[in-house]
Amino acid sequence: MSLARFSDQYPSLFDRFFENDLFDWSNRNFSATNTTLPSVNIKESVDDFEVEVAAPGFAKDDFKIELNRELLTISSEKEINNEIKEGQQFTQREFSYQSFSRSFTLPNIVDSEKIGARYENGILRITIPKKEESKPRPARKIAIT
């Protein structure tokens, strides 16, 4: 019979501390084009959910929002093309291309037919209403006969 040290069987508190996402230096927060994904806030109220996507410098036509069953996908592809003026020539030109895609699984309590979106001041806001039957109802008294 061999003895095993406690730390060999169970990860130490120190090891578990560094397993947190705070110290995750992988590429999961980058898109396929190696640009960072926009930050997202998700708010919930009694009536709806609101998804806020921070995307300054975009136009509303740059976004594509799709719903496929319960999967909501927000994506964008944007190419910045600096026009060349007459008499100019390139000695070096680097293209700028940005794209991202974020997907969210919607709960079955949402009314997917009434989803709306607006873009203003660099924030894309998507409003996802809840179904009436999923909203909390106030308590009611039941008469005893």
N, C-alpha and C. Protein backbone atom coordinates (compact mmCIF):
# COMPACT_ATOMS: atom_id res chain seq x y z
N MET A 1 0.85 -1.18 0.00
CA MET A 1 0.00 0.00 0.00
C MET A 1 0.89 1.23 0.00
N SER A 2 0.60 2.14 -0.88
CA SER A 2 1.39 3.37 -0.92
C SER A 2 0.55 4.52 -0.40
N LEU A 3 1.23 5.45 0.18
CA LEU A 3 0.56 6.64 0.70
C LEU A 3 0.63 7.74 -0.34
N ALA A 4 -0.46 8.43 -0.52
CA ALA A 4 -0.50 9.56 -1.45
C ALA A 4 -0.67 10.83 -0.64
N ARG A 5 0.03 11.84 -1.04
CA ARG A 5 -0.15 13.12 -0.35
C ARG A 5 -1.54 13.66 -0.66
N PHE A 6 -2.06 14.46 0.25
CA PHE A 6 -3.38 15.05 0.08
C PHE A 6 -3.46 15.86 -1.21
N SER A 7 -2.39 16.60 -1.53
CA SER A 7 -2.42 17.44 -2.72
C SER A 7 -2.37 16.64 -4.02
N ASP A 8 -1.96 15.38 -3.94
CA ASP A 8 -1.96 14.54 -5.13
C ASP A 8 -3.36 14.08 -5.50
N GLN A 9 -4.22 13.96 -4.49
CA GLN A 9 -5.58 13.48 -4.73
C GLN A 9 -6.57 14.60 -4.99
N TYR A 10 -6.37 15.72 -4.32
CA TYR A 10 -7.32 16.82 -4.43
C TYR A 10 -6.57 18.09 -4.82
N PRO A 11 -7.09 18.85 -5.75
CA PRO A 11 -6.39 20.10 -6.10
C PRO A 11 -6.40 21.05 -4.92
N SER A 12 -5.32 21.75 -4.75
CA SER A 12 -5.24 22.70 -3.65
C SER A 12 -6.10 23.92 -3.94
N LEU A 13 -6.36 24.68 -2.91
CA LEU A 13 -7.13 25.91 -3.08
C LEU A 13 -6.42 26.83 -4.06
N PHE A 14 -5.10 26.87 -3.98
CA PHE A 14 -4.31 27.70 -4.90
C PHE A 14 -4.53 27.27 -6.34
N ASP A 15 -4.51 25.95 -6.61
CA ASP A 15 -4.73 25.44 -7.97
C ASP A 15 -6.14 25.78 -8.45
N ARG A 16 -7.13 25.62 -7.59
CA ARG A 16 -8.51 25.89 -8.00
C ARG A 16 -8.73 27.37 -8.26
N PHE A 17 -8.02 28.25 -7.52
CA PHE A 17 -8.15 29.69 -7.73
C PHE A 17 -7.77 30.07 -9.16
N PHE A 18 -6.72 29.44 -9.69
CA PHE A 18 -6.26 29.79 -11.03
C PHE A 18 -7.03 29.07 -12.13
N GLU A 19 -8.01 28.24 -11.78
CA GLU A 19 -8.85 27.61 -12.78
C GLU A 19 -10.02 28.52 -13.17
N ASN A 20 -10.20 29.63 -12.48
CA ASN A 20 -11.30 30.55 -12.77
C ASN A 20 -11.13 31.20 -14.13
N ASP A 21 -12.24 31.66 -14.69
CA ASP A 21 -12.22 32.31 -16.01
C ASP A 21 -11.40 33.59 -16.02
N LEU A 22 -11.21 34.20 -14.85
CA LEU A 22 -10.43 35.42 -14.78
C LEU A 22 -9.03 35.21 -15.34
N PHE A 23 -8.51 34.00 -15.18
CA PHE A 23 -7.15 33.71 -15.61
C PHE A 23 -7.13 32.87 -16.89
N ASP A 24 -8.22 32.87 -17.62
CA ASP A 24 -8.30 32.10 -18.86
C ASP A 24 -7.76 32.97 -20.00
N TRP A 25 -6.60 32.63 -20.50
CA TRP A 25 -5.96 33.42 -21.56
C TRP A 25 -6.15 32.75 -22.91
N SER A 26 -7.15 31.91 -23.06
CA SER A 26 -7.41 31.26 -24.35
C SER A 26 -8.00 32.27 -25.32
N ASN A 27 -8.27 31.84 -26.53
CA ASN A 27 -8.78 32.72 -27.57
C ASN A 27 -10.29 32.71 -27.68
N ARG A 28 -11.00 32.26 -26.67
CA ARG A 28 -12.45 32.16 -26.83
C ARG A 28 -13.15 33.50 -26.86
N ASN A 29 -12.50 34.59 -26.45
CA ASN A 29 -13.11 35.91 -26.52
C ASN A 29 -12.75 36.65 -27.80
N PHE A 30 -12.20 35.94 -28.76
CA PHE A 30 -11.84 36.53 -30.04
C PHE A 30 -12.63 35.84 -31.14
N SER A 31 -12.95 36.58 -32.19
CA SER A 31 -13.67 36.00 -33.31
C SER A 31 -12.69 35.31 -34.25
N ALA A 32 -13.22 34.71 -35.30
CA ALA A 32 -12.38 33.99 -36.27
C ALA A 32 -11.41 34.92 -36.98
N THR A 33 -11.72 36.22 -37.02
CA THR A 33 -10.81 37.17 -37.67
C THR A 33 -9.86 37.81 -36.68
N ASN A 34 -9.80 37.23 -35.47
CA ASN A 34 -8.89 37.66 -34.42
C ASN A 34 -9.20 39.07 -33.91
N THR A 35 -10.45 39.50 -34.01
CA THR A 35 -10.88 40.74 -33.39
C THR A 35 -11.69 40.38 -32.16
N THR A 36 -11.72 41.24 -31.19
CA THR A 36 -12.44 40.92 -29.97
C THR A 36 -13.94 40.93 -30.22
N LEU A 37 -14.63 40.09 -29.51
CA LEU A 37 -16.09 40.05 -29.61
C LEU A 37 -16.66 41.21 -28.82
N PRO A 38 -17.75 41.79 -29.28
CA PRO A 38 -18.34 42.90 -28.53
C PRO A 38 -18.89 42.42 -27.19
N SER A 39 -18.80 43.28 -26.21
CA SER A 39 -19.34 42.97 -24.89
C SER A 39 -20.86 42.99 -24.94
N VAL A 40 -21.47 42.17 -24.08
CA VAL A 40 -22.92 42.02 -24.09
C VAL A 40 -23.44 42.13 -22.66
N ASN A 41 -24.52 42.86 -22.49
CA ASN A 41 -25.29 42.88 -21.24
C ASN A 41 -26.63 42.24 -21.53
N ILE A 42 -27.14 41.48 -20.57
CA ILE A 42 -28.47 40.90 -20.70
C ILE A 42 -29.25 41.30 -19.46
N LYS A 43 -30.36 42.00 -19.69
CA LYS A 43 -31.22 42.47 -18.60
C LYS A 43 -32.54 41.71 -18.66
N GLU A 44 -33.12 41.48 -17.48
CA GLU A 44 -34.43 40.82 -17.43
C GLU A 44 -35.36 41.66 -16.58
N SER A 45 -36.57 41.86 -17.09
CA SER A 45 -37.62 42.52 -16.33
C SER A 45 -38.81 41.57 -16.29
N VAL A 46 -39.87 42.00 -15.69
CA VAL A 46 -41.08 41.18 -15.62
C VAL A 46 -41.62 40.92 -17.02
N ASP A 47 -41.49 41.90 -17.92
CA ASP A 47 -42.10 41.81 -19.24
C ASP A 47 -41.19 41.27 -20.34
N ASP A 48 -39.86 41.42 -20.19
CA ASP A 48 -39.00 41.04 -21.30
C ASP A 48 -37.55 40.85 -20.88
N PHE A 49 -36.74 40.45 -21.85
CA PHE A 49 -35.29 40.43 -21.75
C PHE A 49 -34.78 41.50 -22.71
N GLU A 50 -33.66 42.12 -22.36
CA GLU A 50 -33.02 43.06 -23.28
C GLU A 50 -31.56 42.69 -23.39
N VAL A 51 -31.11 42.49 -24.63
CA VAL A 51 -29.71 42.19 -24.91
C VAL A 51 -29.09 43.47 -25.46
N GLU A 52 -28.02 43.92 -24.82
CA GLU A 52 -27.29 45.10 -25.28
C GLU A 52 -25.93 44.66 -25.79
N VAL A 53 -25.62 45.03 -27.03
CA VAL A 53 -24.35 44.67 -27.65
C VAL A 53 -23.58 45.97 -27.89
N ALA A 54 -22.39 46.09 -27.28
CA ALA A 54 -21.57 47.29 -27.47
C ALA A 54 -20.82 47.17 -28.78
N ALA A 55 -21.20 47.98 -29.77
CA ALA A 55 -20.59 47.92 -31.10
C ALA A 55 -20.49 49.32 -31.69
N PRO A 56 -19.63 50.17 -31.10
CA PRO A 56 -19.50 51.53 -31.64
C PRO A 56 -18.84 51.52 -33.01
N GLY A 57 -19.20 52.50 -33.82
CA GLY A 57 -18.61 52.64 -35.15
C GLY A 57 -19.31 51.84 -36.22
N PHE A 58 -20.36 51.13 -35.87
CA PHE A 58 -21.12 50.36 -36.84
C PHE A 58 -22.36 51.15 -37.25
N ALA A 59 -22.98 50.74 -38.32
CA ALA A 59 -24.28 51.27 -38.74
C ALA A 59 -25.29 50.15 -38.56
N LYS A 60 -26.56 50.50 -38.47
CA LYS A 60 -27.57 49.46 -38.23
C LYS A 60 -27.60 48.44 -39.37
N ASP A 61 -27.23 48.85 -40.57
CA ASP A 61 -27.22 47.92 -41.71
C ASP A 61 -26.05 46.93 -41.65
N ASP A 62 -25.09 47.16 -40.76
CA ASP A 62 -23.95 46.25 -40.62
C ASP A 62 -24.32 44.97 -39.85
N PHE A 63 -25.45 44.97 -39.15
CA PHE A 63 -25.83 43.84 -38.31
C PHE A 63 -26.77 42.89 -39.01
N LYS A 64 -26.69 41.65 -38.61
CA LYS A 64 -27.62 40.61 -39.06
C LYS A 64 -28.08 39.88 -37.80
N ILE A 65 -29.39 39.83 -37.59
CA ILE A 65 -29.95 39.16 -36.42
C ILE A 65 -30.87 38.06 -36.94
N GLU A 66 -30.60 36.84 -36.53
CA GLU A 66 -31.39 35.68 -36.99
C GLU A 66 -31.89 34.88 -35.80
N LEU A 67 -33.07 34.31 -35.96
CA LEU A 67 -33.62 33.40 -34.97
C LEU A 67 -33.89 32.07 -35.66
N ASN A 68 -33.20 31.04 -35.22
CA ASN A 68 -33.37 29.70 -35.76
C ASN A 68 -33.80 28.81 -34.61
N ARG A 69 -35.09 28.50 -34.57
CA ARG A 69 -35.72 27.82 -33.45
C ARG A 69 -35.50 28.65 -32.19
N GLU A 70 -34.74 28.16 -31.22
CA GLU A 70 -34.53 28.94 -29.99
C GLU A 70 -33.15 29.60 -29.94
N LEU A 71 -32.40 29.57 -31.05
CA LEU A 71 -31.06 30.14 -31.09
C LEU A 71 -31.07 31.52 -31.77
N LEU A 72 -30.78 32.55 -30.99
CA LEU A 72 -30.70 33.92 -31.51
C LEU A 72 -29.24 34.21 -31.83
N THR A 73 -28.95 34.59 -33.07
CA THR A 73 -27.58 34.87 -33.50
C THR A 73 -27.49 36.31 -33.97
N ILE A 74 -26.50 37.02 -33.42
CA ILE A 74 -26.22 38.40 -33.79
C ILE A 74 -24.86 38.39 -34.46
N SER A 75 -24.79 38.90 -35.69
CA SER A 75 -23.51 38.88 -36.39
C SER A 75 -23.33 40.17 -37.17
N SER A 76 -22.09 40.39 -37.58
CA SER A 76 -21.77 41.56 -38.38
C SER A 76 -20.53 41.28 -39.20
N GLU A 77 -20.52 41.81 -40.39
CA GLU A 77 -19.33 41.80 -41.24
C GLU A 77 -19.18 43.21 -41.78
N LYS A 78 -17.99 43.76 -41.58
CA LYS A 78 -17.77 45.14 -41.98
C LYS A 78 -16.38 45.27 -42.57
N GLU A 79 -16.33 45.80 -43.78
CA GLU A 79 -15.04 46.06 -44.42
C GLU A 79 -14.87 47.56 -44.55
N ILE A 80 -13.75 48.05 -44.06
CA ILE A 80 -13.46 49.47 -44.16
C ILE A 80 -12.57 49.66 -45.38
N ASN A 81 -13.09 50.38 -46.36
CA ASN A 81 -12.38 50.56 -47.62
C ASN A 81 -12.11 52.05 -47.80
N ASN A 82 -10.87 52.45 -47.61
CA ASN A 82 -10.51 53.85 -47.81
C ASN A 82 -10.35 54.11 -49.30
N GLU A 83 -11.16 55.00 -49.81
CA GLU A 83 -11.10 55.32 -51.23
C GLU A 83 -9.81 56.06 -51.55
N ILE A 84 -9.28 55.82 -52.72
CA ILE A 84 -8.08 56.52 -53.17
C ILE A 84 -8.52 57.66 -54.09
N LYS A 85 -7.90 58.80 -53.90
CA LYS A 85 -8.25 59.97 -54.70
C LYS A 85 -7.38 60.03 -55.94
N GLU A 86 -7.83 60.80 -56.90
CA GLU A 86 -7.09 60.95 -58.15
C GLU A 86 -5.68 61.47 -57.87
N GLY A 87 -4.69 60.85 -58.49
CA GLY A 87 -3.31 61.26 -58.33
C GLY A 87 -2.61 60.58 -57.17
N GLN A 88 -3.32 59.77 -56.40
CA GLN A 88 -2.70 59.05 -55.30
C GLN A 88 -2.37 57.63 -55.74
N GLN A 89 -1.42 57.05 -55.06
CA GLN A 89 -1.10 55.64 -55.29
C GLN A 89 -0.73 55.00 -53.97
N PHE A 90 -0.84 53.70 -53.93
CA PHE A 90 -0.52 52.96 -52.71
C PHE A 90 0.96 52.61 -52.68
N THR A 91 1.59 52.87 -51.55
CA THR A 91 2.91 52.30 -51.29
C THR A 91 2.75 51.13 -50.32
N GLN A 92 1.71 51.20 -49.52
CA GLN A 92 1.30 50.10 -48.66
C GLN A 92 -0.16 50.32 -48.31
N ARG A 93 -0.91 49.26 -48.33
CA ARG A 93 -2.32 49.36 -47.96
C ARG A 93 -2.69 48.13 -47.17
N GLU A 94 -3.26 48.32 -46.00
CA GLU A 94 -3.71 47.21 -45.18
C GLU A 94 -5.22 47.28 -45.10
N PHE A 95 -5.85 46.21 -45.47
CA PHE A 95 -7.31 46.14 -45.44
C PHE A 95 -7.78 46.01 -44.01
N SER A 96 -8.93 46.54 -43.72
CA SER A 96 -9.53 46.41 -42.41
C SER A 96 -10.86 45.67 -42.58
N TYR A 97 -10.96 44.55 -41.90
CA TYR A 97 -12.15 43.73 -42.00
C TYR A 97 -12.51 43.28 -40.60
N GLN A 98 -13.72 43.52 -40.19
CA GLN A 98 -14.18 43.11 -38.87
C GLN A 98 -15.41 42.24 -39.02
N SER A 99 -15.45 41.18 -38.24
CA SER A 99 -16.66 40.36 -38.19
C SER A 99 -16.77 39.74 -36.81
N PHE A 100 -17.99 39.46 -36.42
CA PHE A 100 -18.23 38.73 -35.18
C PHE A 100 -19.56 38.01 -35.29
N SER A 101 -19.74 37.06 -34.41
CA SER A 101 -21.00 36.34 -34.31
C SER A 101 -21.18 35.91 -32.86
N ARG A 102 -22.31 36.26 -32.28
CA ARG A 102 -22.65 35.85 -30.91
C ARG A 102 -23.99 35.16 -30.98
N SER A 103 -24.13 34.04 -30.27
CA SER A 103 -25.38 33.29 -30.26
C SER A 103 -25.86 33.07 -28.83
N PHE A 104 -27.17 33.09 -28.66
CA PHE A 104 -27.79 32.91 -27.36
C PHE A 104 -28.99 31.98 -27.51
N THR A 105 -29.10 31.04 -26.59
CA THR A 105 -30.25 30.14 -26.57
C THR A 105 -31.35 30.80 -25.77
N LEU A 106 -32.49 30.99 -26.38
CA LEU A 106 -33.60 31.65 -25.72
C LEU A 106 -34.41 30.65 -24.91
N PRO A 107 -34.91 31.07 -23.75
CA PRO A 107 -35.78 30.17 -22.98
C PRO A 107 -37.14 30.04 -23.65
N ASN A 108 -37.88 29.02 -23.29
CA ASN A 108 -39.19 28.78 -23.93
C ASN A 108 -40.27 29.75 -23.44
N ILE A 109 -39.94 30.68 -22.55
CA ILE A 109 -40.94 31.64 -22.06
C ILE A 109 -41.00 32.91 -22.90
N VAL A 110 -40.20 33.00 -23.96
CA VAL A 110 -40.19 34.23 -24.77
C VAL A 110 -41.17 34.14 -25.94
N ASP A 111 -41.63 35.29 -26.36
CA ASP A 111 -42.51 35.39 -27.52
C ASP A 111 -41.64 35.77 -28.71
N SER A 112 -41.16 34.78 -29.43
CA SER A 112 -40.19 35.02 -30.50
C SER A 112 -40.75 35.81 -31.67
N GLU A 113 -42.05 35.89 -31.80
CA GLU A 113 -42.67 36.65 -32.90
C GLU A 113 -42.60 38.16 -32.67
N LYS A 114 -42.32 38.59 -31.46
CA LYS A 114 -42.34 40.02 -31.15
C LYS A 114 -40.96 40.58 -30.82
N ILE A 115 -39.90 39.90 -31.20
CA ILE A 115 -38.55 40.38 -30.94
C ILE A 115 -38.29 41.62 -31.80
N GLY A 116 -37.69 42.63 -31.19
CA GLY A 116 -37.38 43.87 -31.90
C GLY A 116 -35.96 44.31 -31.60
N ALA A 117 -35.41 45.16 -32.48
CA ALA A 117 -34.03 45.64 -32.29
C ALA A 117 -33.92 47.08 -32.74
N ARG A 118 -33.01 47.81 -32.09
CA ARG A 118 -32.69 49.18 -32.50
C ARG A 118 -31.21 49.42 -32.19
N TYR A 119 -30.60 50.30 -32.97
CA TYR A 119 -29.19 50.63 -32.79
C TYR A 119 -29.06 52.13 -32.64
N GLU A 120 -28.48 52.55 -31.50
CA GLU A 120 -28.27 53.97 -31.27
C GLU A 120 -27.09 54.17 -30.33
N ASN A 121 -26.31 55.21 -30.62
CA ASN A 121 -25.16 55.58 -29.79
C ASN A 121 -24.19 54.42 -29.55
N GLY A 122 -23.97 53.59 -30.57
CA GLY A 122 -23.00 52.51 -30.46
C GLY A 122 -23.48 51.27 -29.75
N ILE A 123 -24.75 51.23 -29.37
CA ILE A 123 -25.31 50.08 -28.66
C ILE A 123 -26.46 49.49 -29.48
N LEU A 124 -26.35 48.18 -29.78
CA LEU A 124 -27.45 47.45 -30.41
C LEU A 124 -28.29 46.86 -29.28
N ARG A 125 -29.58 47.22 -29.25
CA ARG A 125 -30.49 46.73 -28.21
C ARG A 125 -31.53 45.83 -28.85
N ILE A 126 -31.60 44.61 -28.34
CA ILE A 126 -32.58 43.64 -28.82
C ILE A 126 -33.55 43.35 -27.68
N THR A 127 -34.83 43.63 -27.92
CA THR A 127 -35.86 43.41 -26.91
C THR A 127 -36.57 42.10 -27.22
N ILE A 128 -36.60 41.23 -26.22
CA ILE A 128 -37.20 39.90 -26.37
C ILE A 128 -38.33 39.78 -25.36
N PRO A 129 -39.58 40.01 -25.79
CA PRO A 129 -40.71 39.97 -24.86
C PRO A 129 -40.98 38.55 -24.35
N LYS A 130 -41.53 38.49 -23.15
CA LYS A 130 -41.95 37.20 -22.57
C LYS A 130 -43.40 36.94 -22.96
N LYS A 131 -43.76 35.67 -23.02
CA LYS A 131 -45.14 35.29 -23.27
C LYS A 131 -46.00 35.72 -22.09
N GLU A 132 -47.22 36.09 -22.37
CA GLU A 132 -48.13 36.55 -21.31
C GLU A 132 -48.29 35.50 -20.22
N GLU A 133 -48.42 34.24 -20.61
CA GLU A 133 -48.65 33.19 -19.61
C GLU A 133 -47.43 32.92 -18.73
N SER A 134 -46.27 33.42 -19.11
CA SER A 134 -45.07 33.20 -18.29
C SER A 134 -44.82 34.32 -17.29
N LYS A 135 -45.54 35.43 -17.42
CA LYS A 135 -45.35 36.56 -16.52
C LYS A 135 -45.98 36.25 -15.16
N PRO A 136 -45.35 36.69 -14.09
CA PRO A 136 -45.91 36.42 -12.76
C PRO A 136 -47.25 37.12 -12.58
N ARG A 137 -48.13 36.45 -11.92
CA ARG A 137 -49.45 37.02 -11.66
C ARG A 137 -49.56 37.30 -10.16
N PRO A 138 -50.28 38.35 -9.81
CA PRO A 138 -50.45 38.63 -8.38
C PRO A 138 -51.30 37.56 -7.71
N ALA A 139 -51.08 37.40 -6.43
CA ALA A 139 -51.86 36.42 -5.67
C ALA A 139 -53.32 36.85 -5.67
N ARG A 140 -54.20 35.88 -5.69
CA ARG A 140 -55.63 36.20 -5.64
C ARG A 140 -56.29 35.33 -4.57
N LYS A 141 -57.32 35.87 -4.00
CA LYS A 141 -58.06 35.13 -2.99
C LYS A 141 -59.11 34.26 -3.65
N ILE A 142 -59.27 33.11 -3.13
CA ILE A 142 -60.28 32.19 -3.62
C ILE A 142 -61.36 32.06 -2.54
N ALA A 143 -62.58 32.36 -2.95
CA ALA A 143 -63.69 32.32 -1.99
C ALA A 143 -64.05 30.87 -1.65
N ILE A 144 -64.36 30.64 -0.40
CA ILE A 144 -64.81 29.33 0.05
C ILE A 144 -66.31 29.34 0.10
N THR A 145 -66.96 28.41 -0.56
CA THR A 145 -68.43 28.39 -0.60
C THR A 145 -68.98 27.31 0.26
